[in-house]
Amino acid sequence: MKLAIRTALFGAILATCMIPSVSHAWWYGPGWYGPRVGVFFGFPGFFPFYYPPPVYYPPAPAYYPYYPPAYRPAVAPAGPTRTFHVFFDFNRASLTPEGARVVREAAAVFRQTGSARIDVTGYTDLSGSNEYNLALSNRRADAVKAALIAAGVPRSAVAESWRGKANPRVPTPDGTREPQNRRVEIVISPAPRRS
């Protein structure tokens, strides 16, 4: 009788050792063996393939705060781009009274936008050499930029360039003195801002 009990007990232990690793994982559950260690009867040194496979825990998804449409920060649309023309006398780089008025108007528009970019570009008519006109357009752009800064526009908001005889406002033959081409263009491009 005792021999039969011992034989049955040994057979039960041997059968437990022969259970596949998936069954071990189901029987003991993740709380018993953790990610890599298995708890079961038998000799794991002789049966390494009985260990359950390592448990894979996927990383937590990244957290992105959700704002309902009614509570999202609104962005005010950018205003329209404004262009001003400051005209000069022939072969002059000093502002006329009308030119000074246009500069003050452009500075007032800049203050209303709150944040904007100002591009100041100097031009000349088509009379004279390219080298001389390029230097003359530089002086005209310098005069307008200095007047804008004196009117309260930050220096960092003004981008200056000069083109000389290029891009005439009124196309004319070379050597023609056209008052509409002796100018400085002030382009104010408002930047979008949060309301």
N, C-alpha and C. Protein backbone atom coordinates (compact mmCIF):
# COMPACT_ATOMS: atom_id res chain seq x y z
N MET A 1 0.84 -1.21 0.00
CA MET A 1 0.00 0.00 0.00
C MET A 1 0.87 1.26 0.00
N LYS A 2 1.91 1.22 0.88
CA LYS A 2 2.80 2.37 0.95
C LYS A 2 3.54 2.55 -0.37
N LEU A 3 3.90 1.44 -0.99
CA LEU A 3 4.60 1.53 -2.27
C LEU A 3 3.71 2.15 -3.34
N ALA A 4 2.45 1.85 -3.32
CA ALA A 4 1.54 2.43 -4.30
C ALA A 4 1.37 3.93 -4.08
N ILE A 5 1.33 4.33 -2.78
CA ILE A 5 1.20 5.77 -2.49
C ILE A 5 2.45 6.51 -2.96
N ARG A 6 3.62 5.92 -2.65
CA ARG A 6 4.87 6.57 -3.06
C ARG A 6 4.96 6.65 -4.59
N THR A 7 4.56 5.61 -5.27
CA THR A 7 4.62 5.62 -6.73
C THR A 7 3.68 6.69 -7.31
N ALA A 8 2.47 6.78 -6.73
CA ALA A 8 1.53 7.79 -7.21
C ALA A 8 2.04 9.21 -6.95
N LEU A 9 2.67 9.41 -5.74
CA LEU A 9 3.19 10.75 -5.42
C LEU A 9 4.34 11.12 -6.35
N PHE A 10 5.24 10.16 -6.61
CA PHE A 10 6.34 10.42 -7.52
C PHE A 10 5.84 10.71 -8.93
N GLY A 11 4.80 9.98 -9.36
CA GLY A 11 4.24 10.24 -10.68
C GLY A 11 3.60 11.61 -10.78
N ALA A 12 2.95 12.08 -9.67
CA ALA A 12 2.35 13.42 -9.69
C ALA A 12 3.42 14.50 -9.78
N ILE A 13 4.51 14.29 -9.02
CA ILE A 13 5.60 15.27 -9.08
C ILE A 13 6.22 15.29 -10.47
N LEU A 14 6.44 14.11 -11.06
CA LEU A 14 7.02 14.04 -12.39
C LEU A 14 6.09 14.67 -13.43
N ALA A 15 4.79 14.44 -13.27
CA ALA A 15 3.84 15.05 -14.21
C ALA A 15 3.83 16.56 -14.09
N THR A 16 4.00 17.07 -12.85
CA THR A 16 4.06 18.52 -12.66
C THR A 16 5.26 19.11 -13.38
N CYS A 17 6.40 18.38 -13.32
CA CYS A 17 7.59 18.87 -14.02
C CYS A 17 7.41 18.88 -15.53
N MET A 18 6.54 18.02 -16.05
CA MET A 18 6.34 17.94 -17.49
C MET A 18 5.30 18.94 -18.02
N ILE A 19 4.66 19.76 -17.13
CA ILE A 19 3.67 20.73 -17.58
C ILE A 19 4.39 21.80 -18.39
N PRO A 20 3.89 22.17 -19.53
CA PRO A 20 4.56 23.22 -20.34
C PRO A 20 4.66 24.54 -19.58
N SER A 21 5.56 25.38 -20.05
CA SER A 21 5.81 26.64 -19.36
C SER A 21 4.58 27.55 -19.39
N VAL A 22 3.77 27.48 -20.46
CA VAL A 22 2.58 28.31 -20.52
C VAL A 22 1.61 27.93 -19.42
N SER A 23 1.49 26.62 -19.15
CA SER A 23 0.62 26.18 -18.07
C SER A 23 1.14 26.64 -16.73
N HIS A 24 2.47 26.61 -16.54
CA HIS A 24 3.04 27.12 -15.30
C HIS A 24 2.70 28.59 -15.11
N ALA A 25 2.82 29.34 -16.18
CA ALA A 25 2.51 30.76 -16.09
C ALA A 25 1.04 30.98 -15.72
N TRP A 26 0.17 30.15 -16.31
CA TRP A 26 -1.26 30.29 -15.98
C TRP A 26 -1.54 29.83 -14.56
N TRP A 27 -0.86 28.77 -14.11
CA TRP A 27 -1.15 28.19 -12.79
C TRP A 27 -0.70 29.11 -11.67
N TYR A 28 0.50 29.65 -11.78
CA TYR A 28 1.04 30.46 -10.69
C TYR A 28 0.71 31.93 -10.83
N GLY A 29 0.54 32.40 -12.03
CA GLY A 29 0.18 33.79 -12.20
C GLY A 29 1.37 34.72 -12.05
N PRO A 30 1.26 35.95 -12.51
CA PRO A 30 2.40 36.87 -12.46
C PRO A 30 2.77 37.27 -11.05
N GLY A 31 1.85 37.13 -10.09
CA GLY A 31 2.21 37.49 -8.72
C GLY A 31 3.16 36.54 -8.06
N TRP A 32 3.30 35.32 -8.61
CA TRP A 32 4.16 34.33 -7.99
C TRP A 32 5.59 34.42 -8.46
N TYR A 33 5.78 34.62 -9.74
CA TYR A 33 7.15 34.52 -10.24
C TYR A 33 7.69 35.85 -10.73
N GLY A 34 6.91 36.91 -10.80
CA GLY A 34 7.42 38.19 -11.25
C GLY A 34 7.80 38.14 -12.71
N PRO A 35 8.72 38.96 -13.13
CA PRO A 35 9.02 39.02 -14.56
C PRO A 35 9.87 37.87 -15.08
N ARG A 36 10.73 37.23 -14.23
CA ARG A 36 11.67 36.25 -14.76
C ARG A 36 11.78 34.96 -13.93
N VAL A 37 11.32 34.90 -12.71
CA VAL A 37 11.55 33.75 -11.83
C VAL A 37 10.29 32.90 -11.78
N GLY A 38 10.44 31.57 -11.96
CA GLY A 38 9.30 30.65 -11.89
C GLY A 38 9.33 29.84 -10.60
N VAL A 39 8.17 29.55 -10.06
CA VAL A 39 8.04 28.73 -8.85
C VAL A 39 7.26 27.48 -9.23
N PHE A 40 7.89 26.34 -9.19
CA PHE A 40 7.21 25.11 -9.53
C PHE A 40 8.03 23.94 -8.99
N PHE A 41 7.44 22.77 -8.93
CA PHE A 41 8.12 21.57 -8.49
C PHE A 41 9.06 21.07 -9.57
N GLY A 42 10.12 20.35 -9.14
CA GLY A 42 11.01 19.74 -10.11
C GLY A 42 12.41 20.29 -10.02
N PHE A 43 13.15 20.07 -11.03
CA PHE A 43 14.55 20.46 -11.06
C PHE A 43 14.77 21.44 -12.21
N PRO A 44 14.74 22.76 -11.94
CA PRO A 44 14.86 23.72 -13.04
C PRO A 44 16.20 23.67 -13.75
N GLY A 45 17.25 23.19 -13.05
CA GLY A 45 18.54 23.08 -13.71
C GLY A 45 18.52 22.08 -14.84
N PHE A 46 17.71 21.04 -14.72
CA PHE A 46 17.61 20.03 -15.77
C PHE A 46 16.53 20.37 -16.81
N PHE A 47 15.61 21.24 -16.42
CA PHE A 47 14.51 21.58 -17.32
C PHE A 47 14.39 23.11 -17.44
N PRO A 48 15.39 23.77 -18.00
CA PRO A 48 15.34 25.24 -18.07
C PRO A 48 14.22 25.75 -18.95
N PHE A 49 13.76 24.90 -19.89
CA PHE A 49 12.72 25.38 -20.78
C PHE A 49 11.36 25.40 -20.10
N TYR A 50 11.28 24.95 -18.87
CA TYR A 50 10.02 25.00 -18.15
C TYR A 50 9.75 26.38 -17.57
N TYR A 51 10.77 27.23 -17.51
CA TYR A 51 10.55 28.55 -16.94
C TYR A 51 9.57 29.34 -17.81
N PRO A 52 8.69 30.09 -17.21
CA PRO A 52 7.80 30.93 -18.03
C PRO A 52 8.59 32.00 -18.76
N PRO A 53 8.13 32.44 -19.92
CA PRO A 53 8.84 33.52 -20.63
C PRO A 53 8.77 34.82 -19.83
N PRO A 54 9.75 35.69 -20.00
CA PRO A 54 9.72 36.97 -19.27
C PRO A 54 8.45 37.76 -19.61
N VAL A 55 7.93 38.41 -18.62
CA VAL A 55 6.72 39.21 -18.80
C VAL A 55 7.12 40.56 -19.37
N TYR A 56 6.48 40.97 -20.43
CA TYR A 56 6.78 42.25 -21.07
C TYR A 56 5.76 43.28 -20.62
N TYR A 57 6.25 44.33 -20.03
CA TYR A 57 5.40 45.42 -19.60
C TYR A 57 5.63 46.59 -20.55
N PRO A 58 4.69 46.93 -21.41
CA PRO A 58 4.91 48.04 -22.35
C PRO A 58 5.05 49.36 -21.62
N PRO A 59 5.85 50.29 -22.16
CA PRO A 59 6.00 51.59 -21.51
C PRO A 59 4.69 52.36 -21.51
N ALA A 60 4.55 53.19 -20.51
CA ALA A 60 3.34 54.00 -20.40
C ALA A 60 3.26 54.98 -21.56
N PRO A 61 2.09 55.17 -22.12
CA PRO A 61 1.98 56.14 -23.23
C PRO A 61 2.26 57.55 -22.76
N ALA A 62 2.77 58.36 -23.68
CA ALA A 62 3.07 59.75 -23.35
C ALA A 62 1.78 60.50 -23.03
N TYR A 63 1.92 61.42 -22.11
CA TYR A 63 0.75 62.17 -21.66
C TYR A 63 0.68 63.49 -22.42
N TYR A 64 -0.43 63.71 -23.07
CA TYR A 64 -0.67 64.96 -23.78
C TYR A 64 -1.93 65.58 -23.19
N PRO A 65 -1.82 66.74 -22.58
CA PRO A 65 -3.02 67.36 -22.02
C PRO A 65 -4.02 67.71 -23.10
N TYR A 66 -5.25 67.46 -22.82
CA TYR A 66 -6.32 67.75 -23.79
C TYR A 66 -7.07 68.98 -23.34
N TYR A 67 -7.21 69.90 -24.24
CA TYR A 67 -8.00 71.10 -23.98
C TYR A 67 -9.23 71.07 -24.87
N PRO A 68 -10.41 71.13 -24.29
CA PRO A 68 -11.61 71.22 -25.16
C PRO A 68 -11.54 72.46 -26.02
N PRO A 69 -12.21 72.45 -27.16
CA PRO A 69 -12.13 73.62 -28.07
C PRO A 69 -12.49 74.92 -27.40
N ALA A 70 -13.41 74.89 -26.42
CA ALA A 70 -13.83 76.13 -25.78
C ALA A 70 -12.76 76.71 -24.89
N TYR A 71 -11.78 75.88 -24.45
CA TYR A 71 -10.77 76.34 -23.50
C TYR A 71 -9.38 76.42 -24.12
N ARG A 72 -9.26 76.17 -25.42
CA ARG A 72 -7.96 76.27 -26.04
C ARG A 72 -7.56 77.73 -26.20
N PRO A 73 -6.27 78.04 -25.97
CA PRO A 73 -5.84 79.43 -26.14
C PRO A 73 -5.99 79.88 -27.58
N ALA A 74 -6.70 80.93 -27.78
CA ALA A 74 -6.97 81.43 -29.13
C ALA A 74 -5.78 82.23 -29.64
N VAL A 75 -5.59 82.20 -30.93
CA VAL A 75 -4.54 82.96 -31.59
C VAL A 75 -5.19 83.99 -32.48
N ALA A 76 -4.88 85.24 -32.20
CA ALA A 76 -5.45 86.31 -33.00
C ALA A 76 -4.84 86.30 -34.39
N PRO A 77 -5.63 86.45 -35.42
CA PRO A 77 -5.08 86.45 -36.77
C PRO A 77 -4.20 87.66 -37.02
N ALA A 78 -3.23 87.47 -37.88
CA ALA A 78 -2.35 88.58 -38.21
C ALA A 78 -3.10 89.62 -39.02
N GLY A 79 -2.77 90.87 -38.76
CA GLY A 79 -3.42 91.95 -39.48
C GLY A 79 -2.89 92.07 -40.90
N PRO A 80 -3.47 92.96 -41.69
CA PRO A 80 -3.01 93.11 -43.07
C PRO A 80 -1.64 93.77 -43.13
N THR A 81 -0.93 93.45 -44.20
CA THR A 81 0.37 94.07 -44.43
C THR A 81 0.16 95.48 -44.99
N ARG A 82 0.84 96.45 -44.40
CA ARG A 82 0.71 97.86 -44.82
C ARG A 82 2.02 98.30 -45.49
N THR A 83 1.87 99.07 -46.55
CA THR A 83 3.03 99.59 -47.27
C THR A 83 2.93 101.11 -47.35
N PHE A 84 4.04 101.77 -47.02
CA PHE A 84 4.12 103.24 -47.08
C PHE A 84 5.29 103.61 -48.00
N HIS A 85 5.11 104.74 -48.71
CA HIS A 85 6.15 105.22 -49.62
C HIS A 85 6.60 106.61 -49.17
N VAL A 86 7.89 106.74 -48.95
CA VAL A 86 8.50 108.02 -48.61
C VAL A 86 9.30 108.48 -49.83
N PHE A 87 8.90 109.62 -50.43
CA PHE A 87 9.54 110.10 -51.65
C PHE A 87 10.58 111.17 -51.32
N PHE A 88 11.59 111.26 -52.19
CA PHE A 88 12.72 112.16 -51.96
C PHE A 88 12.89 113.07 -53.18
N ASP A 89 13.53 114.21 -52.91
CA ASP A 89 13.91 115.10 -54.00
C ASP A 89 15.07 114.49 -54.79
N PHE A 90 15.30 115.07 -55.94
CA PHE A 90 16.36 114.54 -56.80
C PHE A 90 17.71 114.66 -56.12
N ASN A 91 18.44 113.54 -56.08
CA ASN A 91 19.79 113.48 -55.55
C ASN A 91 19.85 113.91 -54.08
N ARG A 92 18.79 113.65 -53.33
CA ARG A 92 18.73 114.00 -51.91
C ARG A 92 18.39 112.76 -51.09
N ALA A 93 18.88 112.77 -49.83
CA ALA A 93 18.59 111.68 -48.90
C ALA A 93 17.94 112.19 -47.63
N SER A 94 17.58 113.48 -47.60
CA SER A 94 16.92 114.05 -46.42
C SER A 94 15.41 113.98 -46.61
N LEU A 95 14.71 113.83 -45.48
CA LEU A 95 13.25 113.71 -45.53
C LEU A 95 12.60 115.05 -45.82
N THR A 96 11.63 115.04 -46.69
CA THR A 96 10.80 116.22 -46.91
C THR A 96 9.72 116.27 -45.81
N PRO A 97 9.03 117.39 -45.64
CA PRO A 97 7.94 117.43 -44.64
C PRO A 97 6.88 116.35 -44.90
N GLU A 98 6.56 116.11 -46.15
CA GLU A 98 5.59 115.05 -46.45
C GLU A 98 6.16 113.67 -46.11
N GLY A 99 7.43 113.49 -46.39
CA GLY A 99 8.06 112.21 -46.04
C GLY A 99 8.09 111.98 -44.54
N ALA A 100 8.37 113.03 -43.77
CA ALA A 100 8.36 112.90 -42.31
C ALA A 100 6.97 112.54 -41.80
N ARG A 101 5.94 113.10 -42.43
CA ARG A 101 4.56 112.77 -42.02
C ARG A 101 4.25 111.30 -42.29
N VAL A 102 4.71 110.79 -43.43
CA VAL A 102 4.48 109.37 -43.75
C VAL A 102 5.20 108.47 -42.75
N VAL A 103 6.39 108.85 -42.35
CA VAL A 103 7.13 108.05 -41.36
C VAL A 103 6.39 108.03 -40.03
N ARG A 104 5.86 109.16 -39.59
CA ARG A 104 5.10 109.20 -38.33
C ARG A 104 3.85 108.34 -38.43
N GLU A 105 3.20 108.34 -39.58
CA GLU A 105 2.02 107.49 -39.77
C GLU A 105 2.39 106.01 -39.69
N ALA A 106 3.50 105.65 -40.30
CA ALA A 106 3.95 104.25 -40.25
C ALA A 106 4.29 103.84 -38.82
N ALA A 107 4.92 104.74 -38.06
CA ALA A 107 5.24 104.42 -36.66
C ALA A 107 3.97 104.25 -35.84
N ALA A 108 2.94 105.06 -36.11
CA ALA A 108 1.68 104.91 -35.39
C ALA A 108 1.01 103.57 -35.70
N VAL A 109 1.08 103.14 -36.95
CA VAL A 109 0.52 101.83 -37.32
C VAL A 109 1.28 100.71 -36.62
N PHE A 110 2.58 100.84 -36.51
CA PHE A 110 3.38 99.84 -35.80
C PHE A 110 2.97 99.74 -34.34
N ARG A 111 2.75 100.86 -33.68
CA ARG A 111 2.35 100.83 -32.28
C ARG A 111 0.98 100.20 -32.10
N GLN A 112 0.10 100.33 -33.06
CA GLN A 112 -1.23 99.72 -32.96
C GLN A 112 -1.18 98.20 -33.09
N THR A 113 -0.24 97.67 -33.84
CA THR A 113 -0.17 96.23 -34.03
C THR A 113 0.34 95.52 -32.80
N GLY A 114 1.15 96.16 -31.98
CA GLY A 114 1.71 95.51 -30.81
C GLY A 114 2.99 94.76 -31.11
N SER A 115 3.01 93.98 -32.16
CA SER A 115 4.23 93.28 -32.58
C SER A 115 4.18 93.15 -34.10
N ALA A 116 5.24 93.59 -34.74
CA ALA A 116 5.26 93.58 -36.20
C ALA A 116 6.71 93.59 -36.67
N ARG A 117 6.88 93.35 -37.95
CA ARG A 117 8.19 93.44 -38.59
C ARG A 117 8.12 94.55 -39.62
N ILE A 118 9.12 95.41 -39.62
CA ILE A 118 9.18 96.53 -40.56
C ILE A 118 10.36 96.33 -41.49
N ASP A 119 10.09 96.33 -42.79
CA ASP A 119 11.14 96.24 -43.80
C ASP A 119 11.25 97.60 -44.49
N VAL A 120 12.43 98.18 -44.42
CA VAL A 120 12.72 99.48 -45.02
C VAL A 120 13.66 99.25 -46.20
N THR A 121 13.22 99.62 -47.41
CA THR A 121 14.01 99.38 -48.61
C THR A 121 14.14 100.68 -49.40
N GLY A 122 15.39 101.07 -49.69
CA GLY A 122 15.65 102.30 -50.41
C GLY A 122 15.83 102.08 -51.90
N TYR A 123 15.33 103.05 -52.70
CA TYR A 123 15.43 102.99 -54.17
C TYR A 123 15.80 104.37 -54.72
N THR A 124 16.20 104.38 -55.98
CA THR A 124 16.48 105.62 -56.71
C THR A 124 15.81 105.56 -58.07
N ASP A 125 15.87 106.70 -58.79
CA ASP A 125 15.40 106.65 -60.18
C ASP A 125 16.50 106.07 -61.05
N LEU A 126 16.30 106.09 -62.34
CA LEU A 126 17.23 105.40 -63.24
C LEU A 126 18.29 106.32 -63.83
N SER A 127 18.42 107.54 -63.30
CA SER A 127 19.48 108.42 -63.78
C SER A 127 20.73 108.21 -62.93
N GLY A 128 21.90 108.29 -63.56
CA GLY A 128 23.15 108.10 -62.82
C GLY A 128 23.64 106.66 -62.91
N SER A 129 24.83 106.43 -62.32
CA SER A 129 25.45 105.11 -62.37
C SER A 129 24.86 104.19 -61.30
N ASN A 130 25.07 102.91 -61.50
CA ASN A 130 24.56 101.94 -60.54
C ASN A 130 25.23 102.08 -59.17
N GLU A 131 26.55 102.31 -59.16
CA GLU A 131 27.27 102.42 -57.90
C GLU A 131 26.79 103.63 -57.10
N TYR A 132 26.65 104.76 -57.77
CA TYR A 132 26.21 105.96 -57.06
C TYR A 132 24.79 105.80 -56.54
N ASN A 133 23.91 105.26 -57.34
CA ASN A 133 22.53 105.11 -56.92
C ASN A 133 22.38 104.10 -55.79
N LEU A 134 23.22 103.08 -55.78
CA LEU A 134 23.16 102.12 -54.69
C LEU A 134 23.53 102.78 -53.37
N ALA A 135 24.56 103.62 -53.38
CA ALA A 135 24.94 104.33 -52.16
C ALA A 135 23.87 105.35 -51.78
N LEU A 136 23.26 106.00 -52.76
CA LEU A 136 22.21 106.97 -52.47
C LEU A 136 20.98 106.28 -51.85
N SER A 137 20.62 105.13 -52.37
CA SER A 137 19.48 104.42 -51.78
C SER A 137 19.79 103.94 -50.37
N ASN A 138 21.06 103.65 -50.10
CA ASN A 138 21.46 103.29 -48.74
C ASN A 138 21.26 104.46 -47.79
N ARG A 139 21.66 105.66 -48.21
CA ARG A 139 21.50 106.83 -47.35
C ARG A 139 20.02 107.13 -47.11
N ARG A 140 19.20 106.96 -48.13
CA ARG A 140 17.77 107.20 -47.96
C ARG A 140 17.14 106.21 -46.99
N ALA A 141 17.53 104.94 -47.09
CA ALA A 141 17.02 103.94 -46.15
C ALA A 141 17.49 104.24 -44.74
N ASP A 142 18.75 104.70 -44.59
CA ASP A 142 19.24 105.07 -43.27
C ASP A 142 18.42 106.21 -42.67
N ALA A 143 18.07 107.21 -43.50
CA ALA A 143 17.31 108.35 -43.00
C ALA A 143 15.93 107.92 -42.52
N VAL A 144 15.27 107.04 -43.26
CA VAL A 144 13.94 106.59 -42.86
C VAL A 144 14.01 105.72 -41.60
N LYS A 145 15.01 104.86 -41.52
CA LYS A 145 15.15 104.02 -40.34
C LYS A 145 15.40 104.87 -39.10
N ALA A 146 16.26 105.88 -39.22
CA ALA A 146 16.52 106.74 -38.08
C ALA A 146 15.27 107.49 -37.67
N ALA A 147 14.44 107.92 -38.63
CA ALA A 147 13.21 108.63 -38.29
C ALA A 147 12.21 107.70 -37.60
N LEU A 148 12.14 106.45 -38.03
CA LEU A 148 11.25 105.49 -37.38
C LEU A 148 11.69 105.24 -35.93
N ILE A 149 12.97 105.08 -35.73
CA ILE A 149 13.47 104.86 -34.36
C ILE A 149 13.20 106.07 -33.49
N ALA A 150 13.38 107.28 -34.07
CA ALA A 150 13.09 108.51 -33.31
C ALA A 150 11.60 108.61 -32.97
N ALA A 151 10.73 107.99 -33.79
CA ALA A 151 9.29 108.03 -33.53
C ALA A 151 8.83 106.94 -32.57
N GLY A 152 9.76 106.14 -32.04
CA GLY A 152 9.39 105.15 -31.03
C GLY A 152 9.41 103.71 -31.49
N VAL A 153 9.83 103.44 -32.71
CA VAL A 153 9.90 102.05 -33.19
C VAL A 153 11.20 101.42 -32.69
N PRO A 154 11.16 100.24 -32.09
CA PRO A 154 12.40 99.60 -31.63
C PRO A 154 13.35 99.31 -32.79
N ARG A 155 14.62 99.50 -32.52
CA ARG A 155 15.62 99.26 -33.57
C ARG A 155 15.59 97.81 -34.04
N SER A 156 15.32 96.87 -33.11
CA SER A 156 15.33 95.46 -33.47
C SER A 156 14.18 95.07 -34.39
N ALA A 157 13.14 95.91 -34.49
CA ALA A 157 11.99 95.57 -35.33
C ALA A 157 12.17 96.03 -36.77
N VAL A 158 13.23 96.77 -37.07
CA VAL A 158 13.42 97.35 -38.40
C VAL A 158 14.51 96.58 -39.14
N ALA A 159 14.17 96.08 -40.32
CA ALA A 159 15.14 95.44 -41.21
C ALA A 159 15.37 96.36 -42.41
N GLU A 160 16.62 96.71 -42.65
CA GLU A 160 16.94 97.71 -43.68
C GLU A 160 17.65 97.05 -44.85
N SER A 161 17.32 97.53 -46.07
CA SER A 161 18.00 97.09 -47.28
C SER A 161 17.93 98.22 -48.30
N TRP A 162 18.71 98.12 -49.36
CA TRP A 162 18.71 99.14 -50.41
C TRP A 162 18.98 98.46 -51.75
N ARG A 163 18.30 98.96 -52.79
CA ARG A 163 18.35 98.31 -54.10
C ARG A 163 18.82 99.23 -55.23
N GLY A 164 19.00 100.51 -54.97
CA GLY A 164 19.48 101.40 -56.02
C GLY A 164 18.46 101.56 -57.14
N LYS A 165 18.86 101.31 -58.37
CA LYS A 165 18.01 101.49 -59.54
C LYS A 165 17.08 100.30 -59.80
N ALA A 166 17.22 99.23 -59.02
CA ALA A 166 16.41 98.03 -59.26
C ALA A 166 14.96 98.26 -58.88
N ASN A 167 14.08 97.50 -59.51
CA ASN A 167 12.64 97.47 -59.19
C ASN A 167 12.02 98.87 -59.17
N PRO A 168 12.05 99.58 -60.28
CA PRO A 168 11.43 100.92 -60.29
C PRO A 168 9.91 100.82 -60.13
N ARG A 169 9.36 101.79 -59.42
CA ARG A 169 7.90 101.81 -59.24
C ARG A 169 7.21 102.18 -60.56
N VAL A 170 7.82 103.06 -61.30
CA VAL A 170 7.33 103.45 -62.63
C VAL A 170 8.41 103.06 -63.64
N PRO A 171 8.19 102.07 -64.46
CA PRO A 171 9.21 101.68 -65.44
C PRO A 171 9.52 102.82 -66.41
N THR A 172 10.79 103.16 -66.53
CA THR A 172 11.23 104.23 -67.44
C THR A 172 12.52 103.79 -68.12
N PRO A 173 12.88 104.46 -69.21
CA PRO A 173 14.19 104.17 -69.81
C PRO A 173 15.32 104.58 -68.88
N ASP A 174 16.46 103.97 -69.07
CA ASP A 174 17.62 104.30 -68.24
C ASP A 174 18.01 105.76 -68.45
N GLY A 175 18.31 106.45 -67.34
CA GLY A 175 18.69 107.86 -67.38
C GLY A 175 17.52 108.80 -67.13
N THR A 176 16.31 108.27 -66.93
CA THR A 176 15.13 109.12 -66.73
C THR A 176 14.99 109.48 -65.25
N ARG A 177 14.68 110.75 -65.00
CA ARG A 177 14.44 111.21 -63.63
C ARG A 177 12.94 111.11 -63.33
N GLU A 178 12.57 110.09 -62.62
CA GLU A 178 11.16 109.86 -62.28
C GLU A 178 10.98 110.02 -60.77
N PRO A 179 10.19 111.02 -60.30
CA PRO A 179 10.02 111.26 -58.86
C PRO A 179 9.44 110.05 -58.12
N GLN A 180 8.58 109.25 -58.77
CA GLN A 180 7.97 108.11 -58.08
C GLN A 180 8.98 106.99 -57.79
N ASN A 181 10.10 107.00 -58.48
CA ASN A 181 11.11 105.98 -58.24
C ASN A 181 12.11 106.37 -57.15
N ARG A 182 12.17 107.65 -56.81
CA ARG A 182 13.07 108.11 -55.74
C ARG A 182 12.33 107.94 -54.41
N ARG A 183 12.42 106.77 -53.83
CA ARG A 183 11.55 106.45 -52.71
C ARG A 183 12.23 105.47 -51.75
N VAL A 184 11.59 105.37 -50.58
CA VAL A 184 11.87 104.31 -49.61
C VAL A 184 10.55 103.65 -49.27
N GLU A 185 10.49 102.34 -49.41
CA GLU A 185 9.28 101.59 -49.10
C GLU A 185 9.34 101.08 -47.66
N ILE A 186 8.28 101.35 -46.90
CA ILE A 186 8.14 100.83 -45.54
C ILE A 186 7.02 99.79 -45.56
N VAL A 187 7.38 98.55 -45.32
CA VAL A 187 6.41 97.45 -45.32
C VAL A 187 6.29 96.94 -43.89
N ILE A 188 5.07 97.04 -43.34
CA ILE A 188 4.79 96.59 -41.97
C ILE A 188 4.00 95.29 -42.07
N SER A 189 4.59 94.22 -41.56
CA SER A 189 3.97 92.89 -41.57
C SER A 189 3.66 92.49 -40.15
N PRO A 190 2.41 92.63 -39.70
CA PRO A 190 2.09 92.27 -38.31
C PRO A 190 2.29 90.77 -38.09
N ALA A 191 2.82 90.42 -36.93
CA ALA A 191 3.00 89.02 -36.56
C ALA A 191 1.79 88.57 -35.76
N PRO A 192 1.36 87.29 -35.89
CA PRO A 192 0.22 86.81 -35.10
C PRO A 192 0.56 86.80 -33.62
N ARG A 193 -0.40 87.10 -32.79
CA ARG A 193 -0.18 87.17 -31.36
C ARG A 193 -1.32 86.47 -30.64
N ARG A 194 -1.06 85.99 -29.44
CA ARG A 194 -2.08 85.29 -28.65
C ARG A 194 -2.97 86.31 -27.96
N SER A 195 -4.28 86.04 -27.99
CA SER A 195 -5.22 86.96 -27.39
C SER A 195 -5.37 86.65 -25.91
